[in-house]
Amino acid sequence: MSHPGSDPITLEELENWLVARVGEYVPDLEEEVDPHRDLGAYGLDSIAVVAFTADVEDRLAIRVEPTAVWDHPTIAQLAKFLLSEREAQAGRA
């Protein structure tokens, strides 16, 4: 049996999951979360970013620093980084 975070995930699936997660942290949005828009534009505060990062760690079973959200400011950029980081961390395990 595989660990839930070790299941394969495509870039599109990860982007969709990240869009849904951001939408849950910013429930009062009047528009859909755009994967190409800066996450800072949605008003995520530091507490939400830390919680969001913890969700990502649980989902992907990798260690992610909260600063990754600011270093890769759109969901599209963050998803690419996370998949590459997941592959890199799997190679070190």
PDB file of N, CA and C in Angstrom:
ATOM      1  N   MET A   1       0.850  -1.182   0.000  1.00  0.00           N
ATOM      2  CA  MET A   1       0.000   0.000   0.000  1.00  0.00           C
ATOM      3  C   MET A   1       0.888   1.235   0.000  1.00  0.00           C
ATOM      4  N   SER A   2       0.579   2.189  -0.859  1.00  0.00           N
ATOM      5  CA  SER A   2       1.395   3.395  -0.950  1.00  0.00           C
ATOM      6  C   SER A   2       0.925   4.451   0.047  1.00  0.00           C
ATOM      7  N   HIS A   3       1.846   5.318   0.401  1.00  0.00           N
ATOM      8  CA  HIS A   3       1.534   6.455   1.273  1.00  0.00           C
ATOM      9  C   HIS A   3       0.708   7.441   0.453  1.00  0.00           C
ATOM     10  N   PRO A   4      -0.339   8.069   1.022  1.00  0.00           N
ATOM     11  CA  PRO A   4      -1.179   8.979   0.239  1.00  0.00           C
ATOM     12  C   PRO A   4      -0.388  10.070  -0.473  1.00  0.00           C
ATOM     13  N   GLY A   5       0.657  10.564   0.134  1.00  0.00           N
ATOM     14  CA  GLY A   5       1.454  11.621  -0.473  1.00  0.00           C
ATOM     15  C   GLY A   5       2.401  11.135  -1.542  1.00  0.00           C
ATOM     16  N   SER A   6       2.537   9.820  -1.657  1.00  0.00           N
ATOM     17  CA  SER A   6       3.450   9.284  -2.656  1.00  0.00           C
ATOM     18  C   SER A   6       2.739   8.920  -3.953  1.00  0.00           C
ATOM     19  N   ASP A   7       1.430   9.124  -4.020  1.00  0.00           N
ATOM     20  CA  ASP A   7       0.688   8.814  -5.234  1.00  0.00           C
ATOM     21  C   ASP A   7       1.119   9.752  -6.358  1.00  0.00           C
ATOM     22  N   PRO A   8       1.176   9.251  -7.579  1.00  0.00           N
ATOM     23  CA  PRO A   8       1.542  10.120  -8.716  1.00  0.00           C
ATOM     24  C   PRO A   8       0.525  11.257  -8.877  1.00  0.00           C
ATOM     25  N   ILE A   9       1.010  12.387  -9.326  1.00  0.00           N
ATOM     26  CA  ILE A   9       0.131  13.528  -9.579  1.00  0.00           C
ATOM     27  C   ILE A   9       0.700  14.293 -10.770  1.00  0.00           C
ATOM     28  N   THR A  10      -0.178  14.712 -11.666  1.00  0.00           N
ATOM     29  CA  THR A  10       0.267  15.483 -12.824  1.00  0.00           C
ATOM     30  C   THR A  10       0.318  16.964 -12.464  1.00  0.00           C
ATOM     31  N   LEU A  11       0.956  17.726 -13.338  1.00  0.00           N
ATOM     32  CA  LEU A  11       1.029  19.173 -13.126  1.00  0.00           C
ATOM     33  C   LEU A  11      -0.374  19.772 -13.088  1.00  0.00           C
ATOM     34  N   GLU A  12      -1.228  19.356 -13.994  1.00  0.00           N
ATOM     35  CA  GLU A  12      -2.598  19.880 -14.042  1.00  0.00           C
ATOM     36  C   GLU A  12      -3.369  19.518 -12.766  1.00  0.00           C
ATOM     37  N   GLU A  13      -3.230  18.288 -12.319  1.00  0.00           N
ATOM     38  CA  GLU A  13      -3.913  17.877 -11.086  1.00  0.00           C
ATOM     39  C   GLU A  13      -3.419  18.688  -9.896  1.00  0.00           C
ATOM     40  N   LEU A  14      -2.111  18.916  -9.843  1.00  0.00           N
ATOM     41  CA  LEU A  14      -1.563  19.688  -8.731  1.00  0.00           C
ATOM     42  C   LEU A  14      -2.042  21.136  -8.796  1.00  0.00           C
ATOM     43  N   GLU A  15      -2.031  21.728  -9.990  1.00  0.00           N
ATOM     44  CA  GLU A  15      -2.531  23.102 -10.119  1.00  0.00           C
ATOM     45  C   GLU A  15      -3.991  23.188  -9.674  1.00  0.00           C
ATOM     46  N   ASN A  16      -4.804  22.240 -10.100  1.00  0.00           N
ATOM     47  CA  ASN A  16      -6.221  22.261  -9.710  1.00  0.00           C
ATOM     48  C   ASN A  16      -6.386  22.115  -8.206  1.00  0.00           C
ATOM     49  N   TRP A  17      -5.572  21.263  -7.614  1.00  0.00           N
ATOM     50  CA  TRP A  17      -5.640  21.072  -6.163  1.00  0.00           C
ATOM     51  C   TRP A  17      -5.206  22.351  -5.437  1.00  0.00           C
ATOM     52  N   LEU A  18      -4.137  22.987  -5.934  1.00  0.00           N
ATOM     53  CA  LEU A  18      -3.668  24.231  -5.319  1.00  0.00           C
ATOM     54  C   LEU A  18      -4.712  25.339  -5.457  1.00  0.00           C
ATOM     55  N   VAL A  19      -5.350  25.415  -6.614  1.00  0.00           N
ATOM     56  CA  VAL A  19      -6.418  26.416  -6.818  1.00  0.00           C
ATOM     57  C   VAL A  19      -7.526  26.195  -5.784  1.00  0.00           C
ATOM     58  N   ALA A  20      -7.922  24.955  -5.596  1.00  0.00           N
ATOM     59  CA  ALA A  20      -8.984  24.651  -4.629  1.00  0.00           C
ATOM     60  C   ALA A  20      -8.556  25.009  -3.207  1.00  0.00           C
ATOM     61  N   ARG A  21      -7.294  24.703  -2.869  1.00  0.00           N
ATOM     62  CA  ARG A  21      -6.807  25.009  -1.513  1.00  0.00           C
ATOM     63  C   ARG A  21      -6.798  26.512  -1.286  1.00  0.00           C
ATOM     64  N   VAL A  22      -6.285  27.270  -2.235  1.00  0.00           N
ATOM     65  CA  VAL A  22      -6.258  28.729  -2.077  1.00  0.00           C
ATOM     66  C   VAL A  22      -7.683  29.243  -1.926  1.00  0.00           C
ATOM     67  N   GLY A  23      -8.591  28.708  -2.713  1.00  0.00           N
ATOM     68  CA  GLY A  23      -9.988  29.122  -2.611  1.00  0.00           C
ATOM     69  C   GLY A  23     -10.578  28.863  -1.225  1.00  0.00           C
ATOM     70  N   GLU A  24     -10.131  27.806  -0.586  1.00  0.00           N
ATOM     71  CA  GLU A  24     -10.615  27.518   0.774  1.00  0.00           C
ATOM     72  C   GLU A  24     -10.044  28.498   1.794  1.00  0.00           C
ATOM     73  N   TYR A  25      -8.828  28.975   1.561  1.00  0.00           N
ATOM     74  CA  TYR A  25      -8.230  29.937   2.498  1.00  0.00           C
ATOM     75  C   TYR A  25      -8.746  31.353   2.278  1.00  0.00           C
ATOM     76  N   VAL A  26      -9.317  31.609   1.112  1.00  0.00           N
ATOM     77  CA  VAL A  26      -9.854  32.936   0.807  1.00  0.00           C
ATOM     78  C   VAL A  26     -11.299  32.754   0.344  1.00  0.00           C
ATOM     79  N   PRO A  27     -12.191  32.368   1.270  1.00  0.00           N
ATOM     80  CA  PRO A  27     -13.556  32.016   0.872  1.00  0.00           C
ATOM     81  C   PRO A  27     -14.404  33.191   0.374  1.00  0.00           C
ATOM     82  N   ASP A  28     -14.001  34.405   0.647  1.00  0.00           N
ATOM     83  CA  ASP A  28     -14.814  35.557   0.244  1.00  0.00           C
ATOM     84  C   ASP A  28     -14.472  36.080  -1.148  1.00  0.00           C
ATOM     85  N   LEU A  29     -13.669  35.328  -1.896  1.00  0.00           N
ATOM     86  CA  LEU A  29     -13.307  35.778  -3.241  1.00  0.00           C
ATOM     87  C   LEU A  29     -14.540  35.856  -4.122  1.00  0.00           C
ATOM     88  N   GLU A  30     -14.602  36.894  -4.935  1.00  0.00           N
ATOM     89  CA  GLU A  30     -15.730  37.051  -5.853  1.00  0.00           C
ATOM     90  C   GLU A  30     -15.383  36.543  -7.249  1.00  0.00           C
ATOM     91  N   GLU A  31     -14.166  36.029  -7.390  1.00  0.00           N
ATOM     92  CA  GLU A  31     -13.718  35.510  -8.677  1.00  0.00           C
ATOM     93  C   GLU A  31     -13.041  34.165  -8.451  1.00  0.00           C
ATOM     94  N   GLU A  32     -12.837  33.418  -9.522  1.00  0.00           N
ATOM     95  CA  GLU A  32     -12.123  32.154  -9.407  1.00  0.00           C
ATOM     96  C   GLU A  32     -10.633  32.432  -9.216  1.00  0.00           C
ATOM     97  N   VAL A  33      -9.968  31.538  -8.536  1.00  0.00           N
ATOM     98  CA  VAL A  33      -8.522  31.661  -8.357  1.00  0.00           C
ATOM     99  C   VAL A  33      -7.856  31.390  -9.696  1.00  0.00           C
ATOM    100  N   ASP A  34      -7.042  32.342 -10.118  1.00  0.00           N
ATOM    101  CA  ASP A  34      -6.322  32.249 -11.396  1.00  0.00           C
ATOM    102  C   ASP A  34      -4.930  31.682 -11.123  1.00  0.00           C
ATOM    103  N   PRO A  35      -4.588  30.538 -11.716  1.00  0.00           N
ATOM    104  CA  PRO A  35      -3.278  29.948 -11.445  1.00  0.00           C
ATOM    105  C   PRO A  35      -2.098  30.775 -11.945  1.00  0.00           C
ATOM    106  N   HIS A  36      -2.385  31.822 -12.731  1.00  0.00           N
ATOM    107  CA  HIS A  36      -1.305  32.658 -13.259  1.00  0.00           C
ATOM    108  C   HIS A  36      -1.253  34.030 -12.580  1.00  0.00           C
ATOM    109  N   ARG A  37      -2.018  34.205 -11.555  1.00  0.00           N
ATOM    110  CA  ARG A  37      -2.034  35.478 -10.824  1.00  0.00           C
ATOM    111  C   ARG A  37      -1.199  35.322  -9.552  1.00  0.00           C
ATOM    112  N   ASP A  38      -0.495  36.376  -9.151  1.00  0.00           N
ATOM    113  CA  ASP A  38       0.286  36.329  -7.915  1.00  0.00           C
ATOM    114  C   ASP A  38      -0.602  35.978  -6.730  1.00  0.00           C
ATOM    115  N   LEU A  39      -0.138  35.029  -5.925  1.00  0.00           N
ATOM    116  CA  LEU A  39      -0.904  34.620  -4.747  1.00  0.00           C
ATOM    117  C   LEU A  39      -1.079  35.778  -3.771  1.00  0.00           C
ATOM    118  N   GLY A  40      -0.124  36.694  -3.735  1.00  0.00           N
ATOM    119  CA  GLY A  40      -0.233  37.844  -2.855  1.00  0.00           C
ATOM    120  C   GLY A  40      -1.456  38.692  -3.155  1.00  0.00           C
ATOM    121  N   ALA A  41      -1.928  38.643  -4.381  1.00  0.00           N
ATOM    122  CA  ALA A  41      -3.106  39.424  -4.766  1.00  0.00           C
ATOM    123  C   ALA A  41      -4.371  38.909  -4.086  1.00  0.00           C
ATOM    124  N   TYR A  42      -4.322  37.694  -3.583  1.00  0.00           N
ATOM    125  CA  TYR A  42      -5.503  37.125  -2.920  1.00  0.00           C
ATOM    126  C   TYR A  42      -5.536  37.435  -1.423  1.00  0.00           C
ATOM    127  N   GLY A  43      -4.495  38.108  -0.936  1.00  0.00           N
ATOM    128  CA  GLY A  43      -4.505  38.523   0.453  1.00  0.00           C
ATOM    129  C   GLY A  43      -4.195  37.429   1.454  1.00  0.00           C
ATOM    130  N   LEU A  44      -3.469  36.412   1.022  1.00  0.00           N
ATOM    131  CA  LEU A  44      -3.075  35.363   1.970  1.00  0.00           C
ATOM    132  C   LEU A  44      -2.128  35.970   3.000  1.00  0.00           C
ATOM    133  N   ASP A  45      -2.474  35.838   4.269  1.00  0.00           N
ATOM    134  CA  ASP A  45      -1.567  36.335   5.305  1.00  0.00           C
ATOM    135  C   ASP A  45      -0.572  35.242   5.670  1.00  0.00           C
ATOM    136  N   SER A  46       0.368  35.583   6.543  1.00  0.00           N
ATOM    137  CA  SER A  46       1.436  34.630   6.868  1.00  0.00           C
ATOM    138  C   SER A  46       0.892  33.365   7.526  1.00  0.00           C
ATOM    139  N   ILE A  47      -0.136  33.486   8.323  1.00  0.00           N
ATOM    140  CA  ILE A  47      -0.730  32.302   8.970  1.00  0.00           C
ATOM    141  C   ILE A  47      -1.335  31.386   7.905  1.00  0.00           C
ATOM    142  N   ALA A  48      -2.030  31.964   6.958  1.00  0.00           N
ATOM    143  CA  ALA A  48      -2.627  31.162   5.887  1.00  0.00           C
ATOM    144  C   ALA A  48      -1.546  30.506   5.032  1.00  0.00           C
ATOM    145  N   VAL A  49      -0.458  31.230   4.778  1.00  0.00           N
ATOM    146  CA  VAL A  49       0.628  30.659   3.972  1.00  0.00           C
ATOM    147  C   VAL A  49       1.259  29.467   4.691  1.00  0.00           C
ATOM    148  N   VAL A  50       1.461  29.589   5.986  1.00  0.00           N
ATOM    149  CA  VAL A  50       2.041  28.471   6.749  1.00  0.00           C
ATOM    150  C   VAL A  50       1.082  27.276   6.725  1.00  0.00           C
ATOM    151  N   ALA A  51      -0.191  27.516   6.922  1.00  0.00           N
ATOM    152  CA  ALA A  51      -1.178  26.427   6.882  1.00  0.00           C
ATOM    153  C   ALA A  51      -1.264  25.822   5.481  1.00  0.00           C
ATOM    154  N   PHE A  52      -1.254  26.677   4.475  1.00  0.00           N
ATOM    155  CA  PHE A  52      -1.285  26.231   3.079  1.00  0.00           C
ATOM    156  C   PHE A  52      -0.067  25.353   2.788  1.00  0.00           C
ATOM    157  N   THR A  53       1.087  25.784   3.245  1.00  0.00           N
ATOM    158  CA  THR A  53       2.318  25.010   3.044  1.00  0.00           C
ATOM    159  C   THR A  53       2.223  23.656   3.736  1.00  0.00           C
ATOM    160  N   ALA A  54       1.654  23.626   4.927  1.00  0.00           N
ATOM    161  CA  ALA A  54       1.479  22.351   5.630  1.00  0.00           C
ATOM    162  C   ALA A  54       0.550  21.421   4.847  1.00  0.00           C
ATOM    163  N   ASP A  55      -0.481  21.981   4.241  1.00  0.00           N
ATOM    164  CA  ASP A  55      -1.382  21.174   3.396  1.00  0.00           C
ATOM    165  C   ASP A  55      -0.608  20.565   2.221  1.00  0.00           C
ATOM    166  N   VAL A  56       0.245  21.391   1.622  1.00  0.00           N
ATOM    167  CA  VAL A  56       1.046  20.916   0.490  1.00  0.00           C
ATOM    168  C   VAL A  56       1.978  19.792   0.946  1.00  0.00           C
ATOM    169  N   GLU A  57       2.596  19.982   2.098  1.00  0.00           N
ATOM    170  CA  GLU A  57       3.497  18.941   2.622  1.00  0.00           C
ATOM    171  C   GLU A  57       2.743  17.632   2.833  1.00  0.00           C
ATOM    172  N   ASP A  58       1.558  17.724   3.396  1.00  0.00           N
ATOM    173  CA  ASP A  58       0.752  16.515   3.616  1.00  0.00           C
ATOM    174  C   ASP A  58       0.356  15.866   2.297  1.00  0.00           C
ATOM    175  N   ARG A  59      -0.046  16.668   1.339  1.00  0.00           N
ATOM    176  CA  ARG A  59      -0.527  16.143   0.050  1.00  0.00           C
ATOM    177  C   ARG A  59       0.575  15.476  -0.743  1.00  0.00           C
ATOM    178  N   LEU A  60       1.766  16.109  -0.735  1.00  0.00           N
ATOM    179  CA  LEU A  60       2.856  15.617  -1.573  1.00  0.00           C
ATOM    180  C   LEU A  60       3.895  14.802  -0.812  1.00  0.00           C
ATOM    181  N   ALA A  61       3.776  14.778   0.513  1.00  0.00           N
ATOM    182  CA  ALA A  61       4.733  14.050   1.363  1.00  0.00           C
ATOM    183  C   ALA A  61       6.163  14.544   1.137  1.00  0.00           C
ATOM    184  N   ILE A  62       6.293  15.872   1.073  1.00  0.00           N
ATOM    185  CA  ILE A  62       7.619  16.483   0.955  1.00  0.00           C
ATOM    186  C   ILE A  62       7.702  17.629   1.939  1.00  0.00           C
ATOM    187  N   ARG A  63       8.929  18.060   2.210  1.00  0.00           N
ATOM    188  CA  ARG A  63       9.146  19.223   3.072  1.00  0.00           C
ATOM    189  C   ARG A  63       9.149  20.459   2.185  1.00  0.00           C
ATOM    190  N   VAL A  64       8.362  21.472   2.574  1.00  0.00           N
ATOM    191  CA  VAL A  64       8.264  22.715   1.803  1.00  0.00           C
ATOM    192  C   VAL A  64       8.365  23.886   2.768  1.00  0.00           C
ATOM    193  N   GLU A  65       9.288  24.766   2.506  1.00  0.00           N
ATOM    194  CA  GLU A  65       9.400  25.988   3.303  1.00  0.00           C
ATOM    195  C   GLU A  65       8.286  26.958   2.888  1.00  0.00           C
ATOM    196  N   PRO A  66       7.686  27.654   3.849  1.00  0.00           N
ATOM    197  CA  PRO A  66       6.647  28.627   3.488  1.00  0.00           C
ATOM    198  C   PRO A  66       7.131  29.686   2.498  1.00  0.00           C
ATOM    199  N   THR A  67       8.417  29.966   2.490  1.00  0.00           N
ATOM    200  CA  THR A  67       8.941  30.977   1.556  1.00  0.00           C
ATOM    201  C   THR A  67       8.803  30.534   0.100  1.00  0.00           C
ATOM    202  N   ALA A  68       8.575  29.247  -0.130  1.00  0.00           N
ATOM    203  CA  ALA A  68       8.382  28.761  -1.510  1.00  0.00           C
ATOM    204  C   ALA A  68       7.196  29.459  -2.158  1.00  0.00           C
ATOM    205  N   VAL A  69       6.201  29.807  -1.356  1.00  0.00           N
ATOM    206  CA  VAL A  69       5.013  30.490  -1.894  1.00  0.00           C
ATOM    207  C   VAL A  69       5.393  31.872  -2.424  1.00  0.00           C
ATOM    208  N   TRP A  70       6.337  32.525  -1.785  1.00  0.00           N
ATOM    209  CA  TRP A  70       6.743  33.869  -2.237  1.00  0.00           C
ATOM    210  C   TRP A  70       7.804  33.770  -3.330  1.00  0.00           C
ATOM    211  N   ASP A  71       8.619  32.697  -3.283  1.00  0.00           N
ATOM    212  CA  ASP A  71       9.645  32.507  -4.314  1.00  0.00           C
ATOM    213  C   ASP A  71       9.036  32.074  -5.650  1.00  0.00           C
ATOM    214  N   HIS A  72       7.872  31.438  -5.597  1.00  0.00           N
ATOM    215  CA  HIS A  72       7.163  30.954  -6.792  1.00  0.00           C
ATOM    216  C   HIS A  72       5.742  31.498  -6.674  1.00  0.00           C
ATOM    217  N   PRO A  73       5.551  32.784  -6.984  1.00  0.00           N
ATOM    218  CA  PRO A  73       4.345  33.513  -6.567  1.00  0.00           C
ATOM    219  C   PRO A  73       3.028  33.173  -7.245  1.00  0.00           C
ATOM    220  N   THR A  74       3.038  32.403  -8.303  1.00  0.00           N
ATOM    221  CA  THR A  74       1.753  32.008  -8.883  1.00  0.00           C
ATOM    222  C   THR A  74       1.560  30.502  -8.667  1.00  0.00           C
ATOM    223  N   ILE A  75       0.343  30.062  -8.740  1.00  0.00           N
ATOM    224  CA  ILE A  75       0.071  28.631  -8.583  1.00  0.00           C
ATOM    225  C   ILE A  75       0.774  27.841  -9.677  1.00  0.00           C
ATOM    226  N   ALA A  76       0.784  28.363 -10.894  1.00  0.00           N
ATOM    227  CA  ALA A  76       1.448  27.663 -11.995  1.00  0.00           C
ATOM    228  C   ALA A  76       2.937  27.498 -11.703  1.00  0.00           C
ATOM    229  N   GLN A  77       3.583  28.560 -11.241  1.00  0.00           N
ATOM    230  CA  GLN A  77       5.010  28.485 -10.913  1.00  0.00           C
ATOM    231  C   GLN A  77       5.245  27.574  -9.711  1.00  0.00           C
ATOM    232  N   LEU A  78       4.385  27.700  -8.709  1.00  0.00           N
ATOM    233  CA  LEU A  78       4.536  26.893  -7.500  1.00  0.00           C
ATOM    234  C   LEU A  78       4.348  25.409  -7.805  1.00  0.00           C
ATOM    235  N   ALA A  79       3.390  25.074  -8.639  1.00  0.00           N
ATOM    236  CA  ALA A  79       3.137  23.670  -8.979  1.00  0.00           C
ATOM    237  C   ALA A  79       4.351  23.056  -9.676  1.00  0.00           C
ATOM    238  N   LYS A  80       4.939  23.796 -10.617  1.00  0.00           N
ATOM    239  CA  LYS A  80       6.145  23.283 -11.301  1.00  0.00           C
ATOM    240  C   LYS A  80       7.276  23.069 -10.292  1.00  0.00           C
ATOM    241  N   PHE A  81       7.465  24.048  -9.412  1.00  0.00           N
ATOM    242  CA  PHE A  81       8.509  23.914  -8.394  1.00  0.00           C
ATOM    243  C   PHE A  81       8.242  22.711  -7.497  1.00  0.00           C
ATOM    244  N   LEU A  82       7.008  22.551  -7.055  1.00  0.00           N
ATOM    245  CA  LEU A  82       6.682  21.461  -6.128  1.00  0.00           C
ATOM    246  C   LEU A  82       6.898  20.090  -6.763  1.00  0.00           C
ATOM    247  N   LEU A  83       6.520  19.948  -8.018  1.00  0.00           N
ATOM    248  CA  LEU A  83       6.750  18.658  -8.670  1.00  0.00           C
ATOM    249  C   LEU A  83       8.240  18.381  -8.804  1.00  0.00           C
ATOM    250  N   SER A  84       9.008  19.392  -9.142  1.00  0.00           N
ATOM    251  CA  SER A  84      10.452  19.198  -9.244  1.00  0.00           C
ATOM    252  C   SER A  84      11.063  18.928  -7.882  1.00  0.00           C
ATOM    253  N   GLU A  85      10.604  19.609  -6.859  1.00  0.00           N
ATOM    254  CA  GLU A  85      11.109  19.394  -5.500  1.00  0.00           C
ATOM    255  C   GLU A  85      10.724  17.999  -5.003  1.00  0.00           C
ATOM    256  N   ARG A  86       9.531  17.566  -5.328  1.00  0.00           N
ATOM    257  CA  ARG A  86       9.080  16.224  -4.924  1.00  0.00           C
ATOM    258  C   ARG A  86       9.984  15.159  -5.543  1.00  0.00           C
ATOM    259  N   GLU A  87      10.298  15.348  -6.819  1.00  0.00           N
ATOM    260  CA  GLU A  87      11.172  14.394  -7.504  1.00  0.00           C
ATOM    261  C   GLU A  87      12.570  14.423  -6.891  1.00  0.00           C
ATOM    262  N   ALA A  88      13.062  15.621  -6.591  1.00  0.00           N
ATOM    263  CA  ALA A  88      14.393  15.746  -5.991  1.00  0.00           C
ATOM    264  C   ALA A  88      14.436  15.102  -4.613  1.00  0.00           C
ATOM    265  N   GLN A  89      13.408  15.346  -3.798  1.00  0.00           N
ATOM    266  CA  GLN A  89      13.394  14.773  -2.448  1.00  0.00           C
ATOM    267  C   GLN A  89      13.227  13.261  -2.503  1.00  0.00           C
ATOM    268  N   ALA A  90      12.492  12.750  -3.487  1.00  0.00           N
ATOM    269  CA  ALA A  90      12.338  11.298  -3.628  1.00  0.00           C
ATOM    270  C   ALA A  90      13.675  10.663  -3.997  1.00  0.00           C
ATOM    271  N   GLY A  91      14.474  11.402  -4.775  1.00  0.00           N
ATOM    272  CA  GLY A  91      15.784  10.902  -5.163  1.00  0.00           C
ATOM    273  C   GLY A  91      16.759  10.842  -4.010  1.00  0.00           C
ATOM    274  N   ARG A  92      16.535  11.687  -2.994  1.00  0.00           N
ATOM    275  CA  ARG A  92      17.410  11.713  -1.817  1.00  0.00           C
ATOM    276  C   ARG A  92      16.989  10.703  -0.767  1.00  0.00           C
ATOM    277  N   ALA A  93      15.763  10.185  -0.892  1.00  0.00           N
ATOM    278  CA  ALA A  93      15.253   9.261   0.144  1.00  0.00           C
ATOM    279  C   ALA A  93      15.849   7.880  -0.001  1.00  0.00           C
TER     280      ALA A  93
END
